[in-house]
Each structure stands twice: as structure tokens, then as C-alpha cells.
N, C-alpha and C. Protein backbone atom coordinates (compact mmCIF):
# COMPACT_ATOMS: atom_id res chain seq x y z
N PHE A 1 1.08 -1.19 -0.23
CA PHE A 1 -0.10 -0.39 -0.41
C PHE A 1 1.32 1.35 -0.06
N PRO A 2 0.47 2.73 0.00
CA PRO A 2 1.40 3.88 -0.33
C PRO A 2 1.87 3.83 0.76
N ALA A 3 3.01 4.48 0.96
CA ALA A 3 3.59 4.92 1.87
C ALA A 3 3.19 5.63 2.42
N TYR A 4 2.40 6.81 2.50
CA TYR A 4 1.91 7.73 3.47
C TYR A 4 0.54 6.83 4.18
N TRP A 5 0.23 5.72 4.33
CA TRP A 5 -0.25 5.05 4.76
C TRP A 5 0.22 4.52 5.77
N ASN A 6 1.71 4.39 5.76
CA ASN A 6 2.49 3.92 7.18
C ASN A 6 2.24 4.15 8.48
N ASP A 7 1.98 5.61 8.64
CA ASP A 7 2.03 5.93 10.09
C ASP A 7 0.51 5.18 10.43
N GLU A 8 -0.03 5.50 9.30
CA GLU A 8 -1.61 5.58 10.11
C GLU A 8 -2.18 3.77 10.34
N VAL A 9 -1.62 3.05 9.51
CA VAL A 9 -1.90 1.65 9.85
C VAL A 9 -0.75 1.14 10.90
N ASN A 10 -0.14 1.70 10.82
CA ASN A 10 1.52 1.08 12.53
C ASN A 10 0.42 2.14 13.05
N ASP A 11 -0.40 2.95 13.44
CA ASP A 11 -1.00 3.23 14.43
C ASP A 11 -2.04 2.61 14.61
N THR A 12 -2.64 2.34 14.03
CA THR A 12 -3.69 1.19 14.01
C THR A 12 -3.71 0.00 14.41
N ILE A 13 -2.34 -0.22 14.47
CA ILE A 13 -1.94 -1.52 14.76
C ILE A 13 -1.64 -1.95 16.45
N THR A 14 -1.03 -0.26 16.52
CA THR A 14 -0.87 -0.08 17.67
C THR A 14 -1.38 -0.24 19.16
N LYS A 15 -2.88 0.59 18.78
CA LYS A 15 -3.90 0.53 19.56
C LYS A 15 -4.42 -0.74 19.51
N VAL A 16 -4.73 -1.74 18.22
CA VAL A 16 -5.64 -3.12 18.38
C VAL A 16 -4.49 -4.04 19.59
N GLN A 17 -3.27 -3.70 18.75
CA GLN A 17 -2.78 -5.11 19.89
C GLN A 17 -2.69 -4.26 21.32
N ALA A 18 -2.68 -3.15 21.30
CA ALA A 18 -2.79 -3.15 23.21
C ALA A 18 -4.14 -2.96 23.92
N LEU A 19 -4.93 -2.74 22.98
CA LEU A 19 -6.32 -3.09 23.95
C LEU A 19 -6.76 -4.87 23.61
N GLN A 20 -5.87 -5.53 22.93
CA GLN A 20 -6.33 -7.38 22.50
C GLN A 20 -4.73 -7.77 24.21
N ALA A 21 -4.23 -6.92 23.68
CA ALA A 21 -3.13 -7.16 25.44
C ALA A 21 -3.69 -6.75 26.43
N ALA A 22 -5.08 -5.97 26.94
CA ALA A 22 -5.70 -5.13 28.40
C ALA A 22 -6.16 -6.24 28.35
N GLY A 23 -7.36 -7.11 27.41
CA GLY A 23 -8.17 -8.06 27.69
C GLY A 23 -8.07 -9.05 27.53
N GLY A 24 -7.27 -9.60 27.13
CA GLY A 24 -6.43 -11.30 27.59
C GLY A 24 -7.55 -11.80 26.62
N ASN A 25 -8.28 -12.63 27.09
CA ASN A 25 -9.47 -14.02 26.38
C ASN A 25 -10.28 -13.66 26.73
N ASN A 26 -10.76 -11.85 27.01
CA ASN A 26 -12.00 -11.96 27.29
C ASN A 26 -12.12 -10.55 25.97
N THR A 27 -11.13 -10.49 24.90
CA THR A 27 -11.26 -9.75 23.67
C THR A 27 -10.84 -10.23 23.03
N THR A 28 -11.72 -10.29 21.56
CA THR A 28 -11.46 -10.95 20.48
C THR A 28 -10.91 -9.35 19.15
N SER A 29 -11.10 -9.85 18.18
CA SER A 29 -10.90 -8.69 17.51
C SER A 29 -11.71 -9.62 15.19
N VAL A 30 -11.89 -8.59 14.99
CA VAL A 30 -12.36 -8.97 13.71
C VAL A 30 -12.32 -7.55 12.45
N GLY A 31 -11.98 -7.79 11.50
CA GLY A 31 -11.90 -7.16 10.50
C GLY A 31 -12.90 -6.67 9.94
N PHE A 32 -13.24 -5.42 9.05
CA PHE A 32 -14.07 -5.17 8.60
C PHE A 32 -13.79 -3.83 7.43
N ILE A 33 -14.89 -4.72 6.22
CA ILE A 33 -14.24 -3.76 5.11
C ILE A 33 -15.41 -4.02 4.34
N THR A 34 -15.56 -3.01 3.47
CA THR A 34 -16.93 -2.54 2.36
C THR A 34 -16.83 -1.26 1.80
N ASP A 35 -18.12 -1.90 0.88
CA ASP A 35 -17.83 -0.89 -0.34
C ASP A 35 -16.97 -0.51 -1.92
N VAL A 36 -15.98 -1.85 -1.24
CA VAL A 36 -14.67 -1.98 -2.07
C VAL A 36 -15.15 -0.99 -4.13
N HIS A 37 -15.99 -1.59 -4.67
CA HIS A 37 -16.56 -1.03 -5.69
C HIS A 37 -15.40 -1.29 -6.77
N ALA A 38 -14.32 -1.98 -6.37
CA ALA A 38 -13.38 -2.52 -7.35
C ALA A 38 -12.70 -1.59 -8.28
N ASN A 39 -12.55 -0.44 -7.78
CA ASN A 39 -11.61 0.48 -8.41
C ASN A 39 -9.57 0.34 -8.38
N THR A 40 -9.31 0.73 -8.80
CA THR A 40 -7.70 1.00 -8.30
C THR A 40 -7.43 0.81 -6.67
N ARG A 41 -8.14 1.54 -5.82
CA ARG A 41 -7.43 2.06 -4.35
C ARG A 41 -7.85 0.02 -4.23
N GLU A 42 -8.81 -1.13 -4.44
CA GLU A 42 -9.42 -2.02 -3.68
C GLU A 42 -7.78 -3.18 -3.69
N ILE A 43 -6.64 -2.94 -4.23
CA ILE A 43 -5.60 -3.54 -4.37
C ILE A 43 -4.83 -3.17 -3.22
N TYR A 44 -4.76 -1.55 -2.67
CA TYR A 44 -4.21 -1.03 -1.80
C TYR A 44 -4.92 -1.53 -0.21
N SER A 45 -6.02 -1.25 -0.75
CA SER A 45 -7.01 -1.76 0.86
C SER A 45 -6.50 -3.14 1.21
N ALA A 46 -6.79 -3.99 0.42
CA ALA A 46 -6.22 -5.88 0.63
C ALA A 46 -4.83 -5.91 1.03
N LYS A 47 -4.20 -4.95 1.05
CA LYS A 47 -2.65 -4.98 1.54
C LYS A 47 -3.07 -4.63 2.83
N MET A 48 -3.25 -3.17 3.10
CA MET A 48 -3.44 -3.08 4.60
C MET A 48 -3.90 -3.96 5.59
N LEU A 49 -5.32 -4.25 4.79
CA LEU A 49 -6.09 -4.73 5.89
C LEU A 49 -5.62 -6.35 6.15
N GLU A 50 -4.28 -6.88 5.33
CA GLU A 50 -3.98 -7.96 5.37
C GLU A 50 -2.32 -7.95 6.52
N LYS A 51 -2.18 -6.48 6.57
CA LYS A 51 -0.97 -6.48 7.12
C LYS A 51 -1.61 -6.87 8.73
N ILE A 52 -2.42 -5.63 8.65
CA ILE A 52 -3.09 -5.73 10.14
C ILE A 52 -3.93 -6.64 10.76
N MET A 53 -4.39 -7.52 10.10
CA MET A 53 -4.56 -8.79 10.71
C MET A 53 -3.85 -9.45 11.22
N ASN A 54 -2.25 -10.04 10.22
CA ASN A 54 -1.37 -10.87 10.62
C ASN A 54 -0.62 -9.80 11.58
N ASP A 55 -0.55 -8.91 11.94
CA ASP A 55 0.08 -8.60 13.02
C ASP A 55 -0.46 -8.61 14.46
N CYS A 56 -1.82 -8.09 14.13
CA CYS A 56 -2.83 -8.57 15.41
C CYS A 56 -3.51 -9.48 15.45
N GLU A 57 -3.01 -10.53 14.59
CA GLU A 57 -3.34 -12.11 14.85
C GLU A 57 -4.60 -12.24 14.96
N ILE A 58 -5.83 -11.02 13.34
CA ILE A 58 -7.18 -11.54 13.89
C ILE A 58 -7.70 -12.48 12.65
N PRO A 59 -8.20 -13.12 13.04
CA PRO A 59 -8.47 -14.52 12.32
C PRO A 59 -9.41 -14.42 10.95
N TYR A 60 -10.39 -13.53 11.17
CA TYR A 60 -11.30 -13.43 10.68
C TYR A 60 -11.83 -12.13 10.21
N TYR A 61 -11.90 -11.80 8.86
CA TYR A 61 -13.02 -10.40 8.80
C TYR A 61 -14.54 -10.31 7.71
N PHE A 62 -15.46 -9.39 7.82
CA PHE A 62 -16.27 -9.36 6.83
C PHE A 62 -16.16 -8.31 6.08
N ASP A 63 -16.31 -8.66 4.97
CA ASP A 63 -16.39 -7.73 3.60
C ASP A 63 -17.73 -7.78 3.71
N GLY A 64 -18.54 -6.67 3.43
CA GLY A 64 -19.37 -5.88 3.60
C GLY A 64 -20.52 -6.35 2.42
N GLY A 65 -19.82 -6.50 0.95
CA GLY A 65 -20.06 -5.99 -0.06
C GLY A 65 -19.98 -5.02 -0.79
N ASP A 66 -20.50 -5.05 -1.84
CA ASP A 66 -20.77 -3.79 -3.22
C ASP A 66 -18.94 -3.85 -3.63
N VAL A 67 -19.47 -4.87 -3.96
CA VAL A 67 -17.72 -5.04 -4.88
C VAL A 67 -17.75 -4.02 -6.35
N VAL A 68 -18.61 -4.30 -6.83
CA VAL A 68 -18.78 -3.66 -8.04
C VAL A 68 -19.09 -1.88 -7.77
N ARG A 69 -18.61 -1.90 -9.37
CA ARG A 69 -18.94 -0.17 -9.34
C ARG A 69 -19.71 0.09 -10.52
N GLY A 70 -19.68 1.79 -11.06
CA GLY A 70 -21.07 1.62 -12.25
C GLY A 70 -21.84 2.72 -11.64
N ALA A 71 -23.14 3.00 -12.29
CA ALA A 71 -23.79 4.04 -11.37
C ALA A 71 -25.01 3.71 -11.92
N GLY A 72 -25.48 2.07 -12.36
CA GLY A 72 -26.69 1.42 -13.26
C GLY A 72 -26.84 1.42 -14.57
N LEU A 73 -25.51 1.57 -14.73
CA LEU A 73 -25.40 1.20 -16.40
C LEU A 73 -24.34 -0.01 -16.90
N GLU A 74 -24.15 -0.54 -15.55
CA GLU A 74 -23.52 -2.55 -15.62
C GLU A 74 -23.88 -3.85 -16.63
N THR A 75 -23.04 -4.00 -17.19
CA THR A 75 -23.51 -5.29 -17.87
C THR A 75 -23.58 -6.35 -16.94
N LYS A 76 -23.87 -7.56 -17.54
CA LYS A 76 -23.41 -8.31 -16.50
C LYS A 76 -22.30 -9.26 -16.85
N ALA A 77 -21.75 -8.74 -17.59
CA ALA A 77 -20.03 -9.78 -17.77
C ALA A 77 -19.41 -8.51 -17.09
N ASN A 78 -19.96 -7.28 -16.65
CA ASN A 78 -19.05 -6.20 -16.16
C ASN A 78 -19.44 -6.18 -14.24
N LEU A 79 -20.25 -7.17 -14.35
CA LEU A 79 -20.78 -7.08 -13.00
C LEU A 79 -19.81 -8.26 -12.78
N ILE A 80 -19.77 -9.78 -13.43
CA ILE A 80 -19.22 -10.57 -12.42
C ILE A 80 -17.08 -10.35 -13.11
N TYR A 81 -17.05 -9.32 -13.92
CA TYR A 81 -15.67 -8.94 -13.97
C TYR A 81 -15.51 -8.10 -12.57
N TYR A 82 -16.06 -7.46 -12.46
CA TYR A 82 -15.72 -6.58 -11.23
C TYR A 82 -15.49 -7.59 -9.47
N ILE A 83 -16.02 -8.45 -9.43
CA ILE A 83 -16.45 -9.64 -8.08
C ILE A 83 -15.32 -10.42 -8.68
N ASP A 84 -14.79 -10.48 -9.44
CA ASP A 84 -13.36 -11.46 -9.83
C ASP A 84 -12.98 -10.33 -9.22
N LYS A 85 -12.60 -9.21 -10.07
CA LYS A 85 -11.15 -8.24 -9.15
C LYS A 85 -11.17 -8.68 -8.17
N GLU A 86 -12.24 -7.50 -7.34
CA GLU A 86 -12.66 -7.86 -5.63
C GLU A 86 -11.60 -9.07 -5.24
N ARG A 87 -12.01 -10.07 -5.65
CA ARG A 87 -11.96 -10.82 -4.80
C ARG A 87 -10.70 -11.73 -5.12
N ASN A 88 -9.53 -11.16 -6.49
CA ASN A 88 -8.54 -11.90 -6.71
C ASN A 88 -7.85 -10.31 -5.85
N ALA A 89 -8.21 -9.58 -5.32
CA ALA A 89 -7.16 -8.66 -4.56
C ALA A 89 -7.25 -9.54 -3.32
N PHE A 90 -7.98 -9.92 -2.92
CA PHE A 90 -7.94 -10.36 -1.58
C PHE A 90 -7.79 -11.99 -1.07
N ALA A 91 -7.30 -12.61 -2.36
CA ALA A 91 -7.10 -13.71 -2.54
C ALA A 91 -6.42 -14.26 -0.99
N SER A 92 -5.55 -13.62 -1.01
CA SER A 92 -4.48 -13.98 0.14
C SER A 92 -5.06 -14.30 1.35
N LEU A 93 -6.48 -13.30 1.72
CA LEU A 93 -7.05 -13.29 2.64
C LEU A 93 -8.38 -14.43 2.49
N HIS A 94 -8.11 -15.57 1.57
CA HIS A 94 -9.63 -16.40 1.18
C HIS A 94 -9.97 -16.56 2.38
N ASP A 95 -9.19 -17.54 3.21
CA ASP A 95 -9.92 -18.23 3.91
C ASP A 95 -10.10 -17.90 5.16
N ARG A 96 -9.93 -16.48 5.31
CA ARG A 96 -10.46 -15.88 6.51
C ARG A 96 -11.64 -15.30 6.23
N CYS A 97 -12.04 -15.34 5.07
CA CYS A 97 -13.03 -13.69 5.01
C CYS A 97 -14.44 -14.33 4.52
N MET A 98 -15.24 -13.57 5.61
CA MET A 98 -16.93 -13.78 5.67
C MET A 98 -17.36 -12.41 5.03
N ARG A 99 -17.97 -13.27 3.86
CA ARG A 99 -18.18 -12.40 2.46
C ARG A 99 -19.81 -12.14 2.39
N VAL A 100 -20.26 -11.24 2.99
CA VAL A 100 -22.01 -11.26 2.39
C VAL A 100 -22.41 -10.35 1.10
N ILE A 101 -23.31 -10.40 1.03
CA ILE A 101 -23.75 -9.37 -0.70
C ILE A 101 -24.20 -7.99 -0.13
N GLY A 102 -23.75 -6.98 -1.08
CA GLY A 102 -24.49 -5.68 -0.98
C GLY A 102 -25.61 -5.53 -1.83
N ASN A 103 -26.15 -4.60 -1.64
CA ASN A 103 -27.22 -4.60 -2.68
C ASN A 103 -26.80 -4.44 -4.36
N HIS A 104 -25.59 -3.06 -4.76
CA HIS A 104 -24.86 -3.33 -5.71
C HIS A 104 -24.34 -4.43 -6.78
N ASP A 105 -24.46 -5.66 -5.63
CA ASP A 105 -23.71 -7.25 -5.77
C ASP A 105 -24.79 -7.57 -7.36
N PRO A 106 -25.55 -8.25 -7.07
CA PRO A 106 -26.37 -8.81 -8.12
C PRO A 106 -27.36 -7.49 -8.58
N ALA A 107 -27.66 -6.92 -8.63
CA ALA A 107 -28.39 -6.02 -9.53
C ALA A 107 -28.31 -4.74 -9.76
N TYR A 108 -27.96 -3.74 -10.47
CA TYR A 108 -27.32 -2.56 -10.05
C TYR A 108 -27.16 -1.91 -11.70
N SER A 109 -28.80 -2.21 -11.49
CA SER A 109 -29.46 -1.48 -12.72
C SER A 109 -30.30 -0.37 -12.54
N GLU A 110 -30.50 0.51 -13.06
CA GLU A 110 -31.77 1.27 -12.71
C GLU A 110 -32.47 1.90 -13.76
N LEU A 111 -32.18 0.99 -15.25
CA LEU A 111 -32.59 1.92 -16.31
C LEU A 111 -33.85 1.46 -16.98
N GLY A 112 -34.65 0.93 -16.32
CA GLY A 112 -36.54 0.46 -16.20
C GLY A 112 -36.55 -0.54 -17.70
N GLY A 113 -37.66 -0.32 -17.91
CA GLY A 113 -38.06 -1.49 -18.74
C GLY A 113 -37.48 -2.75 -19.33
N THR A 114 -37.38 -3.34 -20.29
CA THR A 114 -36.88 -4.49 -20.65
C THR A 114 -35.21 -4.74 -20.55
N SER A 115 -34.68 -3.57 -20.22
CA SER A 115 -33.21 -4.65 -20.10
C SER A 115 -32.98 -4.29 -18.44
N TYR A 116 -33.75 -3.77 -17.49
CA TYR A 116 -33.64 -3.39 -16.05
C TYR A 116 -32.60 -4.62 -16.12
N TYR A 117 -33.98 -6.21 -15.55
CA TYR A 117 -33.57 -7.70 -15.60
C TYR A 117 -32.39 -8.29 -16.25
N GLU A 118 -32.04 -8.09 -16.95
CA GLU A 118 -31.31 -8.60 -18.28
C GLU A 118 -29.92 -8.04 -17.50
N GLN A 119 -29.83 -6.81 -17.10
CA GLN A 119 -28.58 -6.61 -16.09
C GLN A 119 -28.02 -7.11 -14.66
N ASN A 120 -28.86 -7.82 -14.38
CA ASN A 120 -28.38 -7.90 -13.32
C ASN A 120 -28.62 -10.17 -12.85
N LEU A 121 -27.68 -9.71 -11.65
CA LEU A 121 -27.14 -11.60 -12.05
C LEU A 121 -28.52 -12.06 -11.24
N THR A 122 -28.77 -13.29 -11.80
CA THR A 122 -30.18 -14.42 -10.85
C THR A 122 -29.33 -14.78 -10.22
N ILE A 123 -31.06 -15.35 -8.75
CA ILE A 123 -29.82 -16.18 -7.70
C ILE A 123 -28.93 -17.04 -8.21
N GLU A 124 -29.12 -17.52 -9.26
CA GLU A 124 -28.38 -18.88 -9.62
C GLU A 124 -26.93 -18.74 -9.51
N GLU A 125 -26.70 -17.42 -10.35
CA GLU A 125 -25.54 -16.46 -11.05
C GLU A 125 -25.05 -15.59 -9.75
N THR A 126 -25.48 -15.57 -8.97
CA THR A 126 -25.30 -14.36 -7.91
C THR A 126 -24.46 -15.98 -6.79
N TYR A 127 -25.31 -16.80 -6.95
CA TYR A 127 -24.32 -17.67 -5.97
C TYR A 127 -23.16 -18.32 -6.27
N HIS A 128 -23.19 -18.44 -7.64
CA HIS A 128 -21.76 -19.02 -8.89
C HIS A 128 -20.38 -18.01 -8.45
N GLU A 129 -21.03 -17.05 -8.83
CA GLU A 129 -20.00 -15.51 -9.07
C GLU A 129 -19.42 -15.62 -7.64
N PHE A 130 -20.56 -15.02 -6.41
CA PHE A 130 -20.22 -14.38 -5.51
C PHE A 130 -19.63 -15.42 -4.24
N PHE A 131 -20.53 -15.84 -4.41
CA PHE A 131 -20.61 -17.22 -3.01
C PHE A 131 -20.00 -18.38 -3.19
N ARG A 132 -20.27 -19.21 -4.35
CA ARG A 132 -19.79 -20.49 -4.55
C ARG A 132 -17.79 -20.50 -3.88
N PRO A 133 -17.53 -19.28 -4.64
CA PRO A 133 -15.71 -19.43 -4.10
C PRO A 133 -15.50 -18.82 -2.68
N SER A 134 -16.26 -18.39 -1.55
CA SER A 134 -15.62 -17.92 -0.45
C SER A 134 -16.23 -19.84 0.38
N ALA A 135 -17.38 -20.12 -0.36
CA ALA A 135 -17.87 -21.64 0.43
C ALA A 135 -16.52 -23.24 -0.02
N ARG A 136 -15.50 -22.14 -0.69
CA ARG A 136 -14.24 -23.64 -0.81
C ARG A 136 -13.72 -23.07 0.30
N GLY A 137 -13.07 -23.99 0.91
CA GLY A 137 -11.41 -24.23 1.51
C GLY A 137 -12.01 -23.76 3.30
N THR A 138 -13.17 -22.80 4.00
CA THR A 138 -13.75 -22.02 5.06
C THR A 138 -14.31 -22.37 5.69
N ASP A 139 -14.13 -22.35 6.94
CA ASP A 139 -14.91 -22.62 8.17
C ASP A 139 -16.41 -22.46 8.27
N LEU A 140 -16.50 -21.90 6.96
CA LEU A 140 -18.15 -20.71 7.23
C LEU A 140 -19.02 -22.43 7.15
N VAL A 141 -20.18 -22.09 8.16
CA VAL A 141 -20.77 -23.37 8.06
C VAL A 141 -22.42 -22.29 7.26
N TRP A 142 -23.02 -23.08 6.22
CA TRP A 142 -24.26 -22.14 5.20
C TRP A 142 -24.80 -22.79 5.29
N GLY A 143 -26.30 -22.01 5.32
CA GLY A 143 -27.37 -21.99 5.44
C GLY A 143 -28.12 -22.91 4.07
N ASP A 144 -29.31 -22.91 3.73
CA ASP A 144 -29.65 -23.65 3.38
C ASP A 144 -29.74 -23.28 1.29
N GLU A 145 -29.93 -22.31 1.65
CA GLU A 145 -29.59 -21.29 0.12
C GLU A 145 -28.14 -20.98 -0.35
N GLY A 146 -27.25 -21.30 0.92
CA GLY A 146 -25.75 -20.70 0.13
C GLY A 146 -25.53 -19.41 0.11
N ARG A 147 -26.35 -18.55 1.03
CA ARG A 147 -25.89 -16.93 0.91
C ARG A 147 -26.55 -16.35 1.91
N TYR A 148 -25.95 -17.12 3.35
CA TYR A 148 -26.02 -16.41 4.30
C TYR A 148 -25.05 -17.81 5.17
N PHE A 149 -24.85 -17.43 6.52
CA PHE A 149 -23.74 -18.70 6.79
C PHE A 149 -23.06 -17.77 8.76
N TYR A 150 -23.01 -18.63 9.51
CA TYR A 150 -21.83 -18.72 10.28
C TYR A 150 -20.90 -19.17 10.42
N VAL A 151 -19.86 -18.42 10.97
CA VAL A 151 -18.50 -19.08 11.48
C VAL A 151 -18.36 -19.30 12.79
N ASP A 152 -17.63 -20.18 13.36
CA ASP A 152 -17.19 -19.89 14.93
C ASP A 152 -15.93 -19.42 15.59
N ASP A 153 -15.77 -18.82 16.41
CA ASP A 153 -14.40 -18.60 17.35
C ASP A 153 -14.22 -19.75 17.96
N GLN A 154 -13.88 -20.44 17.98
CA GLN A 154 -14.39 -21.41 19.47
C GLN A 154 -13.14 -20.57 20.41
N ALA A 155 -12.23 -20.18 20.26
CA ALA A 155 -11.38 -19.70 21.55
C ALA A 155 -11.51 -18.36 22.81
N HIS A 156 -12.90 -17.74 21.96
CA HIS A 156 -13.33 -16.90 22.19
C HIS A 156 -14.48 -16.93 22.63
N ARG A 157 -15.56 -18.15 22.24
CA ARG A 157 -16.88 -18.62 22.12
C ARG A 157 -17.33 -17.22 21.26
N ILE A 158 -17.49 -17.00 19.76
CA ILE A 158 -18.13 -16.04 19.61
C ILE A 158 -18.64 -16.66 17.95
N ARG A 159 -20.07 -15.79 17.92
CA ARG A 159 -20.28 -17.11 16.36
C ARG A 159 -20.96 -15.94 15.56
N TYR A 160 -20.11 -15.43 14.36
CA TYR A 160 -20.55 -14.54 13.74
C TYR A 160 -21.14 -15.08 12.99
N ILE A 161 -22.41 -14.14 12.46
CA ILE A 161 -23.41 -14.40 11.56
C ILE A 161 -23.41 -13.85 10.24
N GLY A 162 -23.20 -14.15 9.42
CA GLY A 162 -23.65 -12.81 8.16
C GLY A 162 -24.96 -13.59 7.35
N LEU A 163 -25.70 -12.37 6.84
CA LEU A 163 -26.97 -12.62 6.76
C LEU A 163 -27.08 -12.00 4.90
N ASP A 164 -27.91 -12.43 4.13
CA ASP A 164 -28.30 -11.25 3.37
C ASP A 164 -29.50 -10.61 3.11
N SER A 165 -28.82 -9.51 3.35
CA SER A 165 -29.64 -8.65 3.38
C SER A 165 -31.19 -8.17 1.73
N THR A 166 -30.17 -8.91 0.73
CA THR A 166 -31.26 -8.72 -0.75
C THR A 166 -32.05 -9.90 -0.72
N ASP A 167 -32.45 -10.93 -0.21
CA ASP A 167 -33.04 -11.92 0.28
C ASP A 167 -34.43 -11.89 -0.60
N THR A 168 -34.60 -10.74 -1.63
CA THR A 168 -36.00 -10.94 -2.67
C THR A 168 -35.81 -11.86 -3.68
N PRO A 169 -37.41 -11.86 -4.30
CA PRO A 169 -36.92 -12.68 -5.79
C PRO A 169 -35.64 -11.40 -7.08
N TYR A 170 -35.91 -12.70 -7.39
CA TYR A 170 -35.01 -12.07 -8.74
C TYR A 170 -35.75 -10.77 -9.58
N ASN A 171 -36.62 -10.73 -9.72
CA ASN A 171 -37.61 -9.36 -11.06
C ASN A 171 -38.19 -8.52 -9.53
N VAL A 172 -37.45 -8.10 -8.81
CA VAL A 172 -37.71 -6.96 -7.74
C VAL A 172 -36.10 -6.03 -7.51
N ASN A 173 -36.29 -5.34 -7.58
CA ASN A 173 -35.44 -4.11 -7.26
C ASN A 173 -34.58 -4.07 -6.44
N LYS A 174 -32.98 -5.10 -6.44
CA LYS A 174 -32.50 -5.37 -5.54
C LYS A 174 -31.56 -3.82 -4.86
N MET A 175 -31.77 -3.00 -5.27
CA MET A 175 -31.19 -1.69 -5.04
C MET A 175 -32.45 -0.62 -4.33
N ARG A 176 -33.74 -0.93 -4.51
CA ARG A 176 -34.51 -0.02 -3.00
C ARG A 176 -35.66 -1.06 -2.06
N LEU A 177 -34.74 -1.99 -2.24
CA LEU A 177 -35.74 -3.02 -1.21
C LEU A 177 -34.81 -3.72 -0.92
N PHE A 178 -34.60 -4.23 0.32
CA PHE A 178 -33.64 -4.92 1.55
C PHE A 178 -34.94 -5.85 2.03
N CYS A 179 -34.87 -7.22 2.58
CA CYS A 179 -35.54 -7.82 3.18
C CYS A 179 -34.97 -9.46 3.71
N PHE A 180 -35.61 -9.63 4.29
CA PHE A 180 -34.87 -11.62 5.05
C PHE A 180 -36.43 -12.25 4.59
N ARG A 181 -36.39 -13.26 4.01
CA ARG A 181 -37.60 -14.22 3.06
C ARG A 181 -37.40 -15.09 4.58
N GLN A 182 -38.88 -16.06 5.31
CA GLN A 182 -38.36 -16.74 6.01
C GLN A 182 -37.88 -17.71 6.11
N THR A 183 -37.43 -18.36 4.98
CA THR A 183 -36.53 -19.19 5.01
C THR A 183 -35.42 -18.55 5.74
N GLN A 184 -34.54 -17.88 5.38
CA GLN A 184 -33.70 -16.94 5.87
C GLN A 184 -33.58 -16.93 7.70
N ILE A 185 -35.11 -16.45 8.05
CA ILE A 185 -35.24 -16.10 9.45
C ILE A 185 -35.22 -16.97 9.85
N ASN A 186 -36.24 -17.81 9.85
CA ASN A 186 -36.03 -19.63 10.31
C ASN A 186 -34.61 -20.49 10.49
N TRP A 187 -33.50 -20.28 9.43
CA TRP A 187 -32.13 -20.61 9.77
C TRP A 187 -31.08 -19.96 10.96
N LEU A 188 -31.78 -18.27 10.52
CA LEU A 188 -30.85 -17.72 11.56
C LEU A 188 -31.99 -18.34 13.55
N ALA A 189 -33.00 -18.33 13.40
CA ALA A 189 -33.87 -18.74 15.00
C ALA A 189 -33.64 -19.59 14.92
N ASN A 190 -33.60 -20.51 14.38
CA ASN A 190 -33.24 -22.28 14.90
C ASN A 190 -31.68 -22.59 14.70
N VAL A 191 -30.99 -21.90 13.35
CA VAL A 191 -29.89 -23.09 13.34
C VAL A 191 -28.59 -22.05 14.19
N ALA A 192 -28.67 -20.58 13.80
CA ALA A 192 -27.14 -19.64 13.59
C ALA A 192 -27.68 -19.52 14.88
N LEU A 193 -27.99 -19.15 15.82
CA LEU A 193 -28.73 -18.20 16.89
C LEU A 193 -28.72 -19.45 18.15
N ASN A 194 -28.51 -20.74 17.59
CA ASN A 194 -28.33 -21.98 17.87
C ASN A 194 -27.23 -21.89 18.62
N VAL A 195 -26.25 -21.63 19.81
CA VAL A 195 -24.91 -21.65 20.22
C VAL A 195 -24.24 -23.02 21.33
N PRO A 196 -23.52 -23.48 21.01
CA PRO A 196 -23.44 -24.66 22.32
C PRO A 196 -23.37 -24.39 23.78
N ASP A 197 -23.42 -23.15 24.16
CA ASP A 197 -23.77 -22.92 25.36
C ASP A 197 -23.89 -21.67 25.86
N SER A 198 -24.23 -21.55 26.95
CA SER A 198 -25.01 -19.85 27.57
C SER A 198 -23.50 -18.70 28.04
N THR A 199 -22.68 -19.88 27.65
CA THR A 199 -21.16 -18.74 27.58
C THR A 199 -21.07 -18.18 25.98
N TRP A 200 -21.32 -18.73 25.55
CA TRP A 200 -21.21 -17.76 23.32
C TRP A 200 -21.88 -16.65 24.32
């Protein structure tokens, strides 16, 4: 990452390490990054996140989605290109990534008319391009539809849960509607929140 970030990154590492040392095993850390939008800077963000996570022994990070760029005029091919570009930039952190989907990722067109749905990824395409690679070689436990998950930090007795807030039918404008359908809600209530014991 750019040299002018060094001081800020090193200061952040020092602060996190101090909090971790003071808290002992009652303290844990998790990374978070979102809205990369696949521009040149995502390469720098990946290197910065990797350094902080390695120096601070952080086991996981959330990728909050919105990895694609554009302003409602992207083709399906471009959506796939940007998803791949972001995944490649963060490849060194693959097995530590908890990725959720943003409203821009599967549906990024507001053109209206017949072209609107043609420029969105279907539910099947979204799984294939966005989630299938995340299911490879990780500790994530997936829900029935493969777009939401949990992962356990056994050492600190914490369960991280990632949900799909764009859980809408294909022919709905995901840019403007956020929801969780009953299947996902049932999984959250009956599976994800069913932690091993009361110390979690």
C-alpha cells in the first residue's frame, strides 16, 4: 500500500494490540471492509487489511459487499468482472473472509424497461459468482440457500453470522428493497442462534 499510509496503519496496529493485550482472552478482534467498488484502490485496501490482520492475529474479517462499480449502467459481464477483480485482490485472505452481498452486487441497473432485469445476476448466477468461491476451504457453515452463514471463533466463544439483506425474488429491484425471507429467518432463529452453550 502507499507509503503515506504507513504511519496510520502502524498506529492502528499499535492501538489494536494494546486493546488485545489489556483484554486477554475476554477480547477478540474482527476485520471489516465494505463498498470497495472495484477501483484501483481495492488492491491497496487488501494489502492494508492483510498487514493489520497478520500483525494483530485477527482470525476473520467481514467483507460487507458492494464490490462492483458503476452507476446503474453495468452489464452482466462487467458485474462478473468486478466481482472477480475484488476476489483476486483479497485472495491472500480467502480462508479468513466472511463475505456478505451488497445491494449493488447482484442488481446494479436502474434503467427500467426490458433491459433492467437483463443487467442483473440471477439468484443462481449470484451464488456461482459471489458465494461459491467463498465456500471453498473455509470454516463457514452455510444456510440452506448458500447466501448466509455463520462461523465460530471457538477460542473466544463468539459466533459471527452473515445474512443476505437482498433476499428478494429475482424480479425485484434490489437497489431499493432490503428484506429477509422466511427461510432465512427460520435458519437464523433455529440454527445460527443455537450456540453451543450459555457462555457464548
